[in-house]
């Protein structure tokens, strides 16, 4: 397993997490075995946002002995008091739901307590007015909630909330359909808005856990893909993990077969994770922008072109740490010999030779 560190909390989080939107699957008897197998293969981050009510006791049974080694995302606004998932901003209902979840999970603390599914500013105002924000904060002060997160599908709403409160993790929907304005009603915001949000999170040390990585499965089938072409699970996972700020992806897992598919990412060849095919259906507004896909590799001069671009973009977004990371690179933009190899390979038509000159000039003047 590969791990990334949440800079705000110090938590070491597996890049492959566990989503529960379809858990448990039809075979209820194997559900606990699936969780145990996930843990044994290094998965330590579990989201419980849209799980069915029956999922929680299964988690409590399967992972209670290793509870200190795993992280749970628990959502304040996800209601399970009727046995199935529902959304609420009623404080008393949320309290009952959280109490149920803690008891069923056989735990007395929540790793990441999430302000749940705030897609509109008015929802957050109601969330505050109803006392839910104070409730989460009180639980944090007493140690029941260790860190505070936010889940949303709307970049503008996230930015407004980040302007006013401090959070430790953002759960956000990332996939090519949403980023390139070809998704469903949850694919909110332009490509520029979404990319700017990812960079802000990276700059401020806010980790992102990714939901909807397969766009609800639509991207995996050409008959349902908004692009008319399918992508693989591996391509979608790599795409999300390449975005600034992202720590983990949370694909829905319902059975052993699903688990094996997502875990295969760890041993897959680079060419099997290459998602540059999306250049065929990206909008004109996205052409000419580096998406850090590494399709330009190998660079004859040995430069890590994607990483150089990422550190440059993040530095311009205000991430001082990214600037330091750039300065620590063995080979920088200064070492580009303008051979043109990267330009010829870039599926997004980025003039990387011009970018290297721009980056060289930028860091030379800073």
Protein backbone atom coordinates (compact mmCIF):
# COMPACT_ATOMS: atom_id res chain seq x y z
CA UNK A 1 0.00 0.00 0.00
CA UNK A 2 1.06 3.58 -0.60
CA UNK A 3 0.37 6.23 2.02
CA UNK A 4 0.13 10.02 2.06
CA UNK A 5 0.35 12.24 5.14
CA UNK A 6 -2.36 14.70 6.10
CA UNK A 7 -0.23 17.76 6.87
CA UNK A 8 -2.77 19.16 9.33
CA UNK A 9 -3.20 16.04 11.43
CA UNK A 10 -0.08 14.00 10.77
CA UNK A 11 -2.23 10.98 9.90
CA UNK A 12 -0.69 8.54 7.43
CA UNK A 13 -3.55 7.63 5.09
CA UNK A 14 -3.74 4.87 2.47
CA UNK A 15 -4.16 6.16 -1.09
CA UNK A 16 -6.82 3.51 -1.62
CA UNK A 17 -9.62 3.97 0.87
CA UNK A 18 -12.91 2.16 1.33
CA UNK A 19 -16.24 3.63 0.24
CA UNK A 20 -19.45 2.12 1.56
CA UNK A 21 -22.14 3.35 -0.85
CA UNK A 22 -22.72 -0.24 -1.99
CA UNK A 23 -21.59 -2.06 1.15
CA UNK A 24 -22.49 -4.70 2.11
CA UNK A 25 -23.27 -6.33 -1.20
CA UNK A 26 -25.64 -9.19 -1.83
CA UNK A 27 -23.46 -11.70 -0.01
CA UNK A 28 -23.84 -10.42 3.55
CA UNK A 29 -21.93 -13.37 5.01
CA UNK A 30 -18.68 -12.31 3.35
CA UNK A 31 -18.97 -8.62 4.32
CA UNK A 32 -16.79 -8.90 7.45
CA UNK A 33 -14.22 -10.89 5.46
CA UNK A 34 -14.09 -8.09 2.86
CA UNK A 35 -13.33 -5.53 5.58
CA UNK A 36 -10.66 -7.75 7.10
CA UNK A 37 -9.09 -8.29 3.67
CA UNK A 38 -9.10 -4.55 3.03
CA UNK A 39 -7.30 -3.93 6.31
CA UNK A 40 -4.82 -6.74 5.74
CA UNK A 41 -3.96 -5.21 2.37
CA UNK A 42 -3.15 -1.88 3.97
CA UNK A 43 -6.39 0.08 3.61
CA UNK A 44 -6.75 2.21 6.74
CA UNK A 45 -9.27 4.90 5.72
CA UNK A 46 -13.00 4.16 5.67
CA UNK A 47 -15.85 6.46 4.73
CA UNK A 48 -19.29 5.76 6.17
CA UNK A 49 -21.21 8.61 4.51
CA UNK A 50 -23.83 6.64 2.60
CA UNK A 51 -23.58 3.21 4.12
CA UNK A 52 -26.71 1.31 4.95
CA UNK A 53 -27.57 1.05 8.63
CA UNK A 54 -26.60 -2.62 8.67
CA UNK A 55 -23.00 -1.75 7.72
CA UNK A 56 -22.03 -0.33 11.08
CA UNK A 57 -22.29 -3.50 13.18
CA UNK A 58 -20.24 -5.31 10.51
CA UNK A 59 -17.48 -2.72 10.90
CA UNK A 60 -17.77 -3.00 14.66
CA UNK A 61 -17.29 -6.75 14.48
CA UNK A 62 -14.55 -6.85 11.84
CA UNK A 63 -12.30 -3.95 12.81
CA UNK A 64 -12.82 -3.31 16.52
CA UNK A 65 -9.60 -5.11 17.48
CA UNK A 66 -7.58 -2.89 15.12
CA UNK A 67 -9.62 0.26 15.74
CA UNK A 68 -6.56 2.33 16.69
CA UNK A 69 -5.00 1.57 13.30
CA UNK A 70 -7.87 2.78 11.11
CA UNK A 71 -9.59 6.08 10.39
CA UNK A 72 -13.35 6.55 10.13
CA UNK A 73 -15.10 9.39 8.33
CA UNK A 74 -18.38 9.91 10.22
CA UNK A 75 -20.85 12.42 8.79
CA UNK A 76 -22.93 14.77 10.91
CA UNK A 77 -25.99 14.99 8.73
CA UNK A 78 -26.08 11.41 7.49
CA UNK A 79 -29.10 9.91 9.23
CA UNK A 80 -29.40 6.17 9.92
CA UNK A 81 -32.10 6.28 12.58
CA UNK A 82 -34.57 4.62 10.18
CA UNK A 83 -32.12 1.91 9.11
CA UNK A 84 -31.10 3.41 5.77
CA UNK A 85 -29.22 6.51 4.71
CA UNK A 86 -30.94 9.89 4.80
CA UNK A 87 -29.77 13.52 4.85
CA UNK A 88 -30.75 15.83 7.70
CA UNK A 89 -29.82 19.13 9.35
CA UNK A 90 -31.95 18.50 12.43
CA UNK A 91 -29.67 18.55 15.49
CA UNK A 92 -31.56 16.00 17.59
CA UNK A 93 -31.71 13.54 14.68
CA UNK A 94 -28.01 13.97 14.06
CA UNK A 95 -27.24 13.32 17.74
CA UNK A 96 -29.26 10.10 17.68
CA UNK A 97 -27.59 8.99 14.47
CA UNK A 98 -24.07 9.68 15.73
CA UNK A 99 -24.78 7.86 18.99
CA UNK A 100 -26.06 4.87 17.03
CA UNK A 101 -23.00 4.83 14.80
CA UNK A 102 -20.55 4.98 17.69
CA UNK A 103 -22.31 2.15 19.50
CA UNK A 104 -22.60 -0.05 16.38
CA UNK A 105 -18.96 0.61 15.41
CA UNK A 106 -17.89 -0.41 18.93
CA UNK A 107 -15.84 2.76 19.35
CA UNK A 108 -15.88 5.82 21.56
CA UNK A 109 -14.28 8.30 19.15
CA UNK A 110 -14.51 9.61 15.60
CA UNK A 111 -11.36 10.27 13.61
CA UNK A 112 -12.89 12.71 11.14
CA UNK A 113 -16.25 14.25 11.99
CA UNK A 114 -17.65 15.69 8.77
CA UNK A 115 -19.95 18.62 8.14
CA UNK A 116 -22.04 16.60 5.74
CA UNK A 117 -22.95 17.32 2.12
CA UNK A 118 -23.09 21.12 2.11
CA UNK A 119 -23.67 22.02 -1.53
CA UNK A 120 -25.33 25.39 -1.04
CA UNK A 121 -24.40 28.28 1.22
CA UNK A 122 -27.90 28.35 2.70
CA UNK A 123 -27.41 24.76 3.91
CA UNK A 124 -24.31 25.81 5.83
CA UNK A 125 -26.15 28.77 7.36
CA UNK A 126 -28.88 26.38 8.52
CA UNK A 127 -26.21 23.97 9.76
CA UNK A 128 -24.78 26.71 11.95
CA UNK A 129 -28.11 28.14 13.08
CA UNK A 130 -29.33 24.69 14.11
CA UNK A 131 -26.38 24.26 16.45
CA UNK A 132 -24.74 21.39 14.55
CA UNK A 133 -21.41 23.17 14.09
CA UNK A 134 -21.30 23.91 17.84
CA UNK A 135 -22.14 20.26 18.55
CA UNK A 136 -19.23 18.99 16.43
CA UNK A 137 -16.88 21.52 17.99
CA UNK A 138 -17.96 20.51 21.50
CA UNK A 139 -17.28 16.85 20.66
CA UNK A 140 -13.86 17.82 19.36
CA UNK A 141 -13.04 19.71 22.54
CA UNK A 142 -13.95 16.66 24.63
CA UNK A 143 -11.98 14.32 22.34
CA UNK A 144 -14.86 12.34 20.83
CA UNK A 145 -14.17 13.97 17.44
CA UNK A 146 -10.47 14.23 16.67
CA UNK A 147 -10.57 16.21 13.43
CA UNK A 148 -13.21 18.15 11.49
CA UNK A 149 -13.98 17.64 7.82
CA UNK A 150 -16.37 18.93 5.18
CA UNK A 151 -18.09 17.13 2.31
CA UNK A 152 -19.46 19.01 -0.69
CA UNK A 153 -19.82 18.95 -4.47
CA UNK A 154 -19.68 22.72 -4.98
CA UNK A 155 -16.34 24.59 -5.26
CA UNK A 156 -17.80 28.04 -4.58
CA UNK A 157 -19.52 26.81 -1.39
CA UNK A 158 -16.36 25.08 -0.19
CA UNK A 159 -14.32 28.24 -0.73
CA UNK A 160 -16.78 30.35 1.27
CA UNK A 161 -16.71 27.88 4.15
CA UNK A 162 -12.91 27.66 4.10
CA UNK A 163 -12.79 31.45 4.34
CA UNK A 164 -14.53 31.25 7.73
CA UNK A 165 -13.68 27.96 9.44
CA UNK A 166 -10.69 25.69 9.79
CA UNK A 167 -11.09 22.11 8.56
CA UNK A 168 -8.69 19.19 8.40
CA UNK A 169 -10.10 17.23 5.46
CA UNK A 170 -12.36 17.85 2.48
CA UNK A 171 -14.42 15.11 0.87
CA UNK A 172 -14.98 16.13 -2.75
CA UNK A 173 -16.11 14.53 -5.99
CA UNK A 174 -13.27 14.26 -8.51
CA UNK A 175 -13.39 12.54 -11.89
CA UNK A 176 -12.86 13.61 -15.52
CA UNK A 177 -16.59 13.96 -16.19
CA UNK A 178 -17.08 16.42 -13.35
CA UNK A 179 -13.83 18.29 -13.95
CA UNK A 180 -14.56 18.73 -17.65
CA UNK A 181 -18.19 19.71 -17.23
CA UNK A 182 -19.66 16.50 -18.64
CA UNK A 183 -21.06 15.04 -15.44
CA UNK A 184 -24.46 14.86 -13.81
CA UNK A 185 -26.04 17.43 -11.51
CA UNK A 186 -23.28 16.85 -8.95
CA UNK A 187 -20.51 17.83 -11.37
CA UNK A 188 -20.65 21.45 -10.23
CA UNK A 189 -18.22 24.21 -11.24
CA UNK A 190 -15.98 24.90 -14.20
CA UNK A 191 -12.68 23.19 -14.81
CA UNK A 192 -10.88 26.32 -13.64
CA UNK A 193 -12.93 26.59 -10.42
CA UNK A 194 -12.36 22.98 -9.52
CA UNK A 195 -8.62 23.02 -10.25
CA UNK A 196 -8.25 26.22 -8.23
CA UNK A 197 -9.96 24.54 -5.26
CA UNK A 198 -7.62 21.54 -5.42
CA UNK A 199 -4.62 23.86 -5.39
CA UNK A 200 -6.03 25.86 -2.49
CA UNK A 201 -6.42 22.69 -0.45
CA UNK A 202 -2.85 21.66 -1.21
CA UNK A 203 -1.56 25.13 -0.35
CA UNK A 204 -3.42 25.21 2.97
CA UNK A 205 -2.62 21.61 3.90
CA UNK A 206 -6.23 20.43 3.66
CA UNK A 207 -6.28 16.81 2.55
CA UNK A 208 -8.90 15.67 0.04
CA UNK A 209 -10.66 12.31 0.18
CA UNK A 210 -12.28 11.60 -3.16
CA UNK A 211 -15.85 10.42 -3.69
CA UNK A 212 -17.52 9.67 -7.05
CA UNK A 213 -14.16 8.60 -8.49
CA UNK A 214 -15.95 6.52 -11.17
CA UNK A 215 -18.81 9.03 -11.57
CA UNK A 216 -21.21 6.53 -10.06
CA UNK A 217 -19.87 3.83 -12.40
CA UNK A 218 -20.85 5.77 -15.51
CA UNK A 219 -17.25 6.26 -16.66
CA UNK A 220 -16.59 2.52 -16.66
CA UNK A 221 -19.08 1.77 -19.45
CA UNK A 222 -19.08 3.45 -22.87
CA UNK A 223 -22.87 3.14 -22.94
CA UNK A 224 -23.22 5.39 -19.89
CA UNK A 225 -20.04 7.44 -20.08
CA UNK A 226 -20.80 11.10 -20.86
CA UNK A 227 -17.86 10.99 -23.26
CA UNK A 228 -19.12 7.98 -25.21
CA UNK A 229 -15.91 6.16 -24.26
CA UNK A 230 -15.14 4.16 -21.18
CA UNK A 231 -12.29 4.48 -18.73
CA UNK A 232 -10.97 1.80 -16.39
CA UNK A 233 -10.98 1.82 -12.60
CA UNK A 234 -7.20 2.21 -12.67
CA UNK A 235 -7.32 5.26 -14.94
CA UNK A 236 -9.95 6.94 -12.78
CA UNK A 237 -8.02 6.26 -9.59
CA UNK A 238 -4.77 7.59 -11.03
CA UNK A 239 -6.55 10.67 -12.38
CA UNK A 240 -7.88 11.55 -8.93
CA UNK A 241 -4.62 10.80 -7.11
CA UNK A 242 -2.75 13.15 -9.45
CA UNK A 243 -4.83 16.13 -8.36
CA UNK A 244 -3.25 18.53 -5.85
CA UNK A 245 -4.36 17.98 -2.27
CA UNK A 246 -5.67 14.47 -2.78
CA UNK A 247 -4.71 11.95 -0.11
CA UNK A 248 -7.05 9.04 -0.79
CA UNK A 249 -9.76 7.81 -3.14
CA UNK A 250 -12.87 6.10 -1.79
CA UNK A 251 -14.26 3.73 -4.42
CA UNK A 252 -17.40 1.90 -3.45
CA UNK A 253 -16.66 -1.69 -2.41
CA UNK A 254 -19.43 -4.24 -2.04
CA UNK A 255 -17.60 -7.57 -2.33
CA UNK A 256 -14.24 -9.29 -2.72
CA UNK A 257 -14.23 -8.79 -6.47
CA UNK A 258 -14.62 -5.02 -6.08
CA UNK A 259 -11.83 -4.99 -3.51
CA UNK A 260 -9.47 -6.92 -5.77
CA UNK A 261 -10.14 -4.51 -8.63
CA UNK A 262 -9.23 -1.40 -6.68
CA UNK A 263 -6.25 -3.03 -4.97
CA UNK A 264 -4.88 -4.03 -8.39
CA UNK A 265 -3.99 -0.36 -8.81
CA UNK A 266 -1.01 -0.90 -6.51
CA UNK A 267 0.71 -3.40 -8.80
CA UNK A 268 -0.55 -2.13 -12.14
CA UNK A 269 1.78 -1.02 -14.92
CA UNK A 270 2.09 2.71 -15.57
CA UNK A 271 0.56 2.27 -19.03
CA UNK A 272 -2.53 0.65 -17.50
CA UNK A 273 -3.05 3.72 -15.30
CA UNK A 274 -2.38 6.24 -18.08
CA UNK A 275 -5.52 8.34 -18.50
CA UNK A 276 -4.23 10.60 -21.29
CA UNK A 277 -7.05 9.27 -23.49
CA UNK A 278 -9.24 11.92 -21.84
CA UNK A 279 -7.49 14.51 -24.00
CA UNK A 280 -9.76 13.32 -26.81
CA UNK A 281 -12.83 14.67 -25.05
CA UNK A 282 -11.64 17.57 -22.91
CA UNK A 283 -13.15 21.00 -23.61
CA UNK A 284 -11.16 23.70 -25.38
CA UNK A 285 -10.79 25.55 -22.07
CA UNK A 286 -8.69 22.67 -20.73
CA UNK A 287 -6.38 22.31 -23.72
CA UNK A 288 -2.91 23.69 -23.09
CA UNK A 289 -3.03 23.07 -19.33
CA UNK A 290 -0.78 20.52 -17.65
CA UNK A 291 -2.81 17.93 -15.73
CA UNK A 292 0.31 16.14 -14.39
CA UNK A 293 -0.53 12.93 -16.27
CA UNK A 294 3.15 12.05 -16.96
CA UNK A 295 2.39 11.09 -20.55
CA UNK A 296 5.41 13.21 -21.52
CA UNK A 297 7.74 10.73 -19.84
CA UNK A 298 10.42 9.64 -20.17
CA UNK A 299 12.16 13.00 -20.45
CA UNK A 300 15.52 12.52 -22.24
CA UNK A 301 17.05 14.95 -19.76
CA UNK A 302 15.61 13.17 -16.72
CA UNK A 303 13.27 15.97 -15.59
CA UNK A 304 10.11 15.09 -13.69
CA UNK A 305 8.02 17.44 -15.83
CA UNK A 306 4.69 16.79 -14.12
CA UNK A 307 6.14 17.42 -10.67
CA UNK A 308 7.89 20.60 -11.80
CA UNK A 309 4.56 21.85 -13.19
CA UNK A 310 2.67 20.88 -10.05
CA UNK A 311 5.12 22.62 -7.69
CA UNK A 312 5.00 25.73 -9.89
CA UNK A 313 1.20 25.83 -9.95
CA UNK A 314 1.00 25.26 -6.20
CA UNK A 315 3.60 27.92 -5.46
CA UNK A 316 1.60 30.43 -7.47
CA UNK A 317 -1.45 29.37 -5.43
CA UNK A 318 0.39 30.40 -2.27
CA UNK A 319 1.93 27.11 -1.11
CA UNK A 320 5.32 28.03 0.35
CA UNK A 321 6.08 24.37 0.99
CA UNK A 322 5.69 23.62 -2.73
CA UNK A 323 8.29 26.27 -3.52
CA UNK A 324 10.71 24.58 -1.15
CA UNK A 325 9.95 21.19 -2.70
CA UNK A 326 10.75 22.64 -6.10
CA UNK A 327 14.07 24.06 -4.91
CA UNK A 328 14.96 20.62 -3.52
CA UNK A 329 14.48 18.88 -6.88
CA UNK A 330 17.69 17.46 -8.30
CA UNK A 331 16.70 18.61 -11.79
CA UNK A 332 14.71 21.81 -12.26
CA UNK A 333 13.26 23.76 -15.17
CA UNK A 334 16.72 25.29 -15.66
CA UNK A 335 17.94 21.88 -16.80
CA UNK A 336 15.51 21.67 -19.74
CA UNK A 337 17.40 21.47 -23.05
CA UNK A 338 14.29 22.23 -25.16
CA UNK A 339 14.53 19.02 -27.14
CA UNK A 340 10.76 19.04 -27.77
CA UNK A 341 10.17 15.43 -26.74
CA UNK A 342 7.57 16.43 -24.12
CA UNK A 343 5.70 18.69 -26.53
CA UNK A 344 5.42 15.92 -29.07
CA UNK A 345 3.96 13.52 -26.51
CA UNK A 346 1.62 15.82 -24.57
CA UNK A 347 -1.99 14.81 -25.29
CA UNK A 348 -3.22 18.14 -23.91
CA UNK A 349 -1.09 20.20 -26.31
CA UNK A 350 0.88 21.90 -23.54
CA UNK A 351 3.96 23.77 -24.73
CA UNK A 352 6.17 22.35 -22.03
CA UNK A 353 9.31 23.99 -23.44
CA UNK A 354 7.66 27.39 -22.95
CA UNK A 355 6.44 26.28 -19.52
CA UNK A 356 9.97 25.30 -18.46
CA UNK A 357 11.23 28.75 -19.47
CA UNK A 358 8.34 30.38 -17.58
CA UNK A 359 9.02 28.27 -14.48
CA UNK A 360 12.75 28.90 -14.67
CA UNK A 361 12.15 32.64 -14.86
CA UNK A 362 9.60 32.57 -12.04
CA UNK A 363 11.81 30.79 -9.54
CA UNK A 364 14.85 32.75 -10.66
CA UNK A 365 13.08 35.94 -9.65
CA UNK A 366 11.75 34.65 -6.32
